[in-house]
Amino acid sequence: MSDWKLPWDGGCRCGRVRFQVTAPPVVTMACHCTGCQRMTASAFSLSLLTPADGFTVTKGEPVIGGLHGTTRHYFCPHCMSWMFTRPEGADAFVNVRATMLDDASWFEPFIETYTSEKLPWATTPAAHSFSEFPAMEDYPALMKEFAEKGARSKG
């Protein structure tokens, strides 16, 4: 995956929390679930699933917000920007909100999830759509296809 232009920097709206991504994402996505709609005040959330060892908070101390359950959503404690999520049962990955990158112009969702809850007018260019989350056994093939065909950062 040498065609990725890494590292990527990003952060919250006010700049008090910053992070860096040094590993390419394994998949990019849009989630249409009502929880993401409410947390983003939009039709869906956009994210890239990246290996945890390729993600570092470089400034500030994010706090857990949103749902305070086993899935941990991290926010800036000052401006309350939702920056990343550490998915339940997937500690090897971090789900970074794509729009928190300093340059997200390259981003395109490869999969979209929870289309069963999407707003009727909301569309994405995702190659694959799922009424909920893909089955765990579907991820290896999706990740392989994304590695071959997914969007790449330009710089």
C-alpha atoms as a PDB file:
ATOM      1  CA  MET A   1       0.000   0.000   0.000  1.00  0.00           C
ATOM      2  CA  SER A   2       2.812   2.392  -0.824  1.00  0.00           C
ATOM      3  CA  ASP A   3       0.438   4.703  -2.699  1.00  0.00           C
ATOM      4  CA  TRP A   4      -0.961   6.177   0.538  1.00  0.00           C
ATOM      5  CA  LYS A   5       0.399   9.598   1.457  1.00  0.00           C
ATOM      6  CA  LEU A   6       1.000   9.065   5.168  1.00  0.00           C
ATOM      7  CA  PRO A   7       1.153  10.268   7.885  1.00  0.00           C
ATOM      8  CA  TRP A   8      -2.128  12.165   8.217  1.00  0.00           C
ATOM      9  CA  ASP A   9      -2.778  14.696  10.929  1.00  0.00           C
ATOM     10  CA  GLY A  10      -6.142  15.640  12.288  1.00  0.00           C
ATOM     11  CA  GLY A  11      -7.928  17.040  15.270  1.00  0.00           C
ATOM     12  CA  CYS A  12     -11.016  18.517  16.775  1.00  0.00           C
ATOM     13  CA  ARG A  13     -12.660  21.747  15.727  1.00  0.00           C
ATOM     14  CA  CYS A  14     -10.951  23.914  18.355  1.00  0.00           C
ATOM     15  CA  GLY A  15      -7.514  22.280  17.962  1.00  0.00           C
ATOM     16  CA  ARG A  16      -7.043  21.290  21.616  1.00  0.00           C
ATOM     17  CA  VAL A  17      -6.924  17.585  20.692  1.00  0.00           C
ATOM     18  CA  ARG A  18      -4.767  16.435  17.784  1.00  0.00           C
ATOM     19  CA  PHE A  19      -3.971  13.004  16.404  1.00  0.00           C
ATOM     20  CA  GLN A  20      -1.873  11.326  13.744  1.00  0.00           C
ATOM     21  CA  VAL A  21      -2.619   8.338  11.508  1.00  0.00           C
ATOM     22  CA  THR A  22       0.472   6.442  10.308  1.00  0.00           C
ATOM     23  CA  ALA A  23      -1.140   3.270   8.915  1.00  0.00           C
ATOM     24  CA  PRO A  24      -3.516   3.112   5.949  1.00  0.00           C
ATOM     25  CA  PRO A  25      -7.161   2.356   6.634  1.00  0.00           C
ATOM     26  CA  VAL A  26      -8.395  -1.187   6.128  1.00  0.00           C
ATOM     27  CA  VAL A  27     -11.798   0.122   4.980  1.00  0.00           C
ATOM     28  CA  THR A  28     -13.700   3.402   4.755  1.00  0.00           C
ATOM     29  CA  MET A  29     -17.378   3.711   5.542  1.00  0.00           C
ATOM     30  CA  ALA A  30     -20.538   5.705   6.036  1.00  0.00           C
ATOM     31  CA  CYS A  31     -22.875   4.652   8.839  1.00  0.00           C
ATOM     32  CA  HIS A  32     -26.551   5.569   8.515  1.00  0.00           C
ATOM     33  CA  CYS A  33     -27.670   4.356  11.966  1.00  0.00           C
ATOM     34  CA  THR A  34     -29.840   6.724  13.985  1.00  0.00           C
ATOM     35  CA  GLY A  35     -27.138   6.868  16.671  1.00  0.00           C
ATOM     36  CA  CYS A  36     -24.611   8.255  14.178  1.00  0.00           C
ATOM     37  CA  GLN A  37     -27.253  10.587  12.790  1.00  0.00           C
ATOM     38  CA  ARG A  38     -27.824  12.019  16.240  1.00  0.00           C
ATOM     39  CA  MET A  39     -24.145  12.213  17.209  1.00  0.00           C
ATOM     40  CA  THR A  40     -23.233  14.006  13.969  1.00  0.00           C
ATOM     41  CA  ALA A  41     -26.472  15.993  13.499  1.00  0.00           C
ATOM     42  CA  SER A  42     -26.304  14.734   9.926  1.00  0.00           C
ATOM     43  CA  ALA A  43     -27.548  11.905   7.711  1.00  0.00           C
ATOM     44  CA  PHE A  44     -24.580   9.619   8.468  1.00  0.00           C
ATOM     45  CA  SER A  45     -21.105   9.482   9.958  1.00  0.00           C
ATOM     46  CA  LEU A  46     -17.982   9.026   7.832  1.00  0.00           C
ATOM     47  CA  SER A  47     -15.062   7.023   9.118  1.00  0.00           C
ATOM     48  CA  LEU A  48     -11.957   5.081   8.285  1.00  0.00           C
ATOM     49  CA  LEU A  49     -11.059   1.925  10.143  1.00  0.00           C
ATOM     50  CA  THR A  50      -7.337   1.975  10.824  1.00  0.00           C
ATOM     51  CA  PRO A  51      -5.033  -0.333  12.798  1.00  0.00           C
ATOM     52  CA  ALA A  52      -4.754   0.855  16.414  1.00  0.00           C
ATOM     53  CA  ASP A  53      -0.954   0.784  16.254  1.00  0.00           C
ATOM     54  CA  GLY A  54      -1.175   3.335  13.412  1.00  0.00           C
ATOM     55  CA  PHE A  55      -3.158   5.882  15.443  1.00  0.00           C
ATOM     56  CA  THR A  56      -1.790   8.238  18.105  1.00  0.00           C
ATOM     57  CA  VAL A  57      -3.281  11.143  20.030  1.00  0.00           C
ATOM     58  CA  THR A  58      -0.502  13.752  19.794  1.00  0.00           C
ATOM     59  CA  LYS A  59      -2.048  16.598  21.803  1.00  0.00           C
ATOM     60  CA  GLY A  60      -4.704  16.873  24.479  1.00  0.00           C
ATOM     61  CA  GLU A  61      -6.790  14.303  26.305  1.00  0.00           C
ATOM     62  CA  PRO A  62      -9.977  13.151  24.578  1.00  0.00           C
ATOM     63  CA  VAL A  63     -12.882  12.032  26.753  1.00  0.00           C
ATOM     64  CA  ILE A  64     -15.480   9.326  26.275  1.00  0.00           C
ATOM     65  CA  GLY A  65     -18.856  10.684  25.250  1.00  0.00           C
ATOM     66  CA  GLY A  66     -21.925   9.686  23.305  1.00  0.00           C
ATOM     67  CA  LEU A  67     -22.925   6.279  24.537  1.00  0.00           C
ATOM     68  CA  HIS A  68     -20.905   5.404  27.609  1.00  0.00           C
ATOM     69  CA  GLY A  69     -21.058   1.655  27.043  1.00  0.00           C
ATOM     70  CA  THR A  70     -18.556  -0.828  25.750  1.00  0.00           C
ATOM     71  CA  THR A  71     -18.073   1.008  22.438  1.00  0.00           C
ATOM     72  CA  ARG A  72     -16.009   4.032  23.345  1.00  0.00           C
ATOM     73  CA  HIS A  73     -16.663   7.255  21.403  1.00  0.00           C
ATOM     74  CA  TYR A  74     -13.937   9.860  21.995  1.00  0.00           C
ATOM     75  CA  PHE A  75     -14.583  13.606  21.974  1.00  0.00           C
ATOM     76  CA  CYS A  76     -12.650  16.801  22.611  1.00  0.00           C
ATOM     77  CA  PRO A  77     -13.546  17.861  26.171  1.00  0.00           C
ATOM     78  CA  HIS A  78     -13.740  21.513  25.091  1.00  0.00           C
ATOM     79  CA  CYS A  79     -15.509  21.710  21.704  1.00  0.00           C
ATOM     80  CA  MET A  80     -17.100  18.249  21.966  1.00  0.00           C
ATOM     81  CA  SER A  81     -16.084  17.194  18.434  1.00  0.00           C
ATOM     82  CA  TRP A  82     -16.561  13.434  17.963  1.00  0.00           C
ATOM     83  CA  MET A  83     -13.123  12.371  16.770  1.00  0.00           C
ATOM     84  CA  PHE A  84     -12.769   8.600  16.908  1.00  0.00           C
ATOM     85  CA  THR A  85     -14.252   5.395  18.257  1.00  0.00           C
ATOM     86  CA  ARG A  86     -12.666   2.277  19.659  1.00  0.00           C
ATOM     87  CA  PRO A  87     -15.134  -0.421  18.559  1.00  0.00           C
ATOM     88  CA  GLU A  88     -16.302  -3.037  21.027  1.00  0.00           C
ATOM     89  CA  GLY A  89     -14.429  -6.332  20.565  1.00  0.00           C
ATOM     90  CA  ALA A  90     -12.065  -4.855  17.974  1.00  0.00           C
ATOM     91  CA  ASP A  91      -9.238  -3.393  20.068  1.00  0.00           C
ATOM     92  CA  ALA A  92      -6.826  -3.811  17.149  1.00  0.00           C
ATOM     93  CA  PHE A  93      -8.640  -0.989  15.303  1.00  0.00           C
ATOM     94  CA  VAL A  94      -9.630   2.656  15.704  1.00  0.00           C
ATOM     95  CA  ASN A  95     -12.550   4.089  13.758  1.00  0.00           C
ATOM     96  CA  VAL A  96     -11.431   7.647  12.912  1.00  0.00           C
ATOM     97  CA  ARG A  97     -14.034  10.241  11.879  1.00  0.00           C
ATOM     98  CA  ALA A  98     -12.830  11.078   8.370  1.00  0.00           C
ATOM     99  CA  THR A  99     -13.833  14.735   8.544  1.00  0.00           C
ATOM    100  CA  MET A 100     -11.515  15.236  11.523  1.00  0.00           C
ATOM    101  CA  LEU A 101      -8.499  14.757   9.211  1.00  0.00           C
ATOM    102  CA  ASP A 102      -6.813  17.997   8.182  1.00  0.00           C
ATOM    103  CA  ASP A 103      -7.335  16.892   4.567  1.00  0.00           C
ATOM    104  CA  ALA A 104     -10.292  14.593   3.972  1.00  0.00           C
ATOM    105  CA  SER A 105     -10.717  15.578   0.308  1.00  0.00           C
ATOM    106  CA  TRP A 106      -9.649  12.110  -0.853  1.00  0.00           C
ATOM    107  CA  PHE A 107     -12.138  10.283   1.371  1.00  0.00           C
ATOM    108  CA  GLU A 108     -14.864   8.149  -0.179  1.00  0.00           C
ATOM    109  CA  PRO A 109     -16.868   5.518   1.727  1.00  0.00           C
ATOM    110  CA  PHE A 110     -16.243   2.001   0.426  1.00  0.00           C
ATOM    111  CA  ILE A 111     -19.046   0.451   2.465  1.00  0.00           C
ATOM    112  CA  GLU A 112     -22.189   1.898   3.985  1.00  0.00           C
ATOM    113  CA  THR A 113     -23.833   0.373   7.033  1.00  0.00           C
ATOM    114  CA  TYR A 114     -27.254   0.506   8.648  1.00  0.00           C
ATOM    115  CA  THR A 115     -29.025   1.412   5.427  1.00  0.00           C
ATOM    116  CA  SER A 116     -32.140   0.050   7.160  1.00  0.00           C
ATOM    117  CA  GLU A 117     -32.145   3.300   9.189  1.00  0.00           C
ATOM    118  CA  LYS A 118     -30.966   5.746   6.530  1.00  0.00           C
ATOM    119  CA  LEU A 119     -32.862   8.862   5.622  1.00  0.00           C
ATOM    120  CA  PRO A 120     -34.697   8.248   2.339  1.00  0.00           C
ATOM    121  CA  TRP A 121     -32.755  10.904   0.408  1.00  0.00           C
ATOM    122  CA  ALA A 122     -29.275  10.038   1.753  1.00  0.00           C
ATOM    123  CA  THR A 123     -27.001   8.436  -0.818  1.00  0.00           C
ATOM    124  CA  THR A 124     -23.294   7.673  -0.919  1.00  0.00           C
ATOM    125  CA  PRO A 125     -20.967   6.310  -3.626  1.00  0.00           C
ATOM    126  CA  ALA A 126     -20.170   3.247  -1.471  1.00  0.00           C
ATOM    127  CA  ALA A 127     -19.411   0.071  -3.410  1.00  0.00           C
ATOM    128  CA  HIS A 128     -21.175  -2.115  -0.818  1.00  0.00           C
ATOM    129  CA  SER A 129     -24.309  -1.508   1.250  1.00  0.00           C
ATOM    130  CA  PHE A 130     -25.463  -3.416   4.330  1.00  0.00           C
ATOM    131  CA  SER A 131     -28.782  -3.154   6.152  1.00  0.00           C
ATOM    132  CA  GLU A 132     -26.815  -3.366   9.433  1.00  0.00           C
ATOM    133  CA  PHE A 133     -23.100  -4.116   9.930  1.00  0.00           C
ATOM    134  CA  PRO A 134     -21.450  -6.677   7.669  1.00  0.00           C
ATOM    135  CA  ALA A 135     -21.003 -10.106   9.241  1.00  0.00           C
ATOM    136  CA  MET A 136     -17.561 -10.496  10.831  1.00  0.00           C
ATOM    137  CA  GLU A 137     -16.706 -13.175   8.272  1.00  0.00           C
ATOM    138  CA  ASP A 138     -17.347 -10.657   5.444  1.00  0.00           C
ATOM    139  CA  TYR A 139     -14.642  -8.223   6.599  1.00  0.00           C
ATOM    140  CA  PRO A 140     -11.563 -10.062   5.243  1.00  0.00           C
ATOM    141  CA  ALA A 141     -12.949 -10.009   1.678  1.00  0.00           C
ATOM    142  CA  LEU A 142     -14.108  -6.378   2.050  1.00  0.00           C
ATOM    143  CA  MET A 143     -10.705  -5.345   3.387  1.00  0.00           C
ATOM    144  CA  LYS A 144      -8.937  -7.168   0.534  1.00  0.00           C
ATOM    145  CA  GLU A 145     -11.149  -5.495  -2.074  1.00  0.00           C
ATOM    146  CA  PHE A 146     -10.676  -2.097  -0.415  1.00  0.00           C
ATOM    147  CA  ALA A 147      -6.884  -2.581  -0.472  1.00  0.00           C
ATOM    148  CA  GLU A 148      -7.121  -3.168  -4.218  1.00  0.00           C
ATOM    149  CA  LYS A 149      -9.806  -0.634  -5.230  1.00  0.00           C
ATOM    150  CA  GLY A 150     -10.461   1.853  -2.412  1.00  0.00           C
ATOM    151  CA  ALA A 151      -9.859   5.610  -2.557  1.00  0.00           C
ATOM    152  CA  ARG A 152      -6.321   6.823  -1.838  1.00  0.00           C
ATOM    153  CA  SER A 153      -5.117  10.029  -0.235  1.00  0.00           C
ATOM    154  CA  LYS A 154      -3.652  12.509  -2.644  1.00  0.00           C
ATOM    155  CA  GLY A 155      -1.218  14.291  -0.439  1.00  0.00           C
END
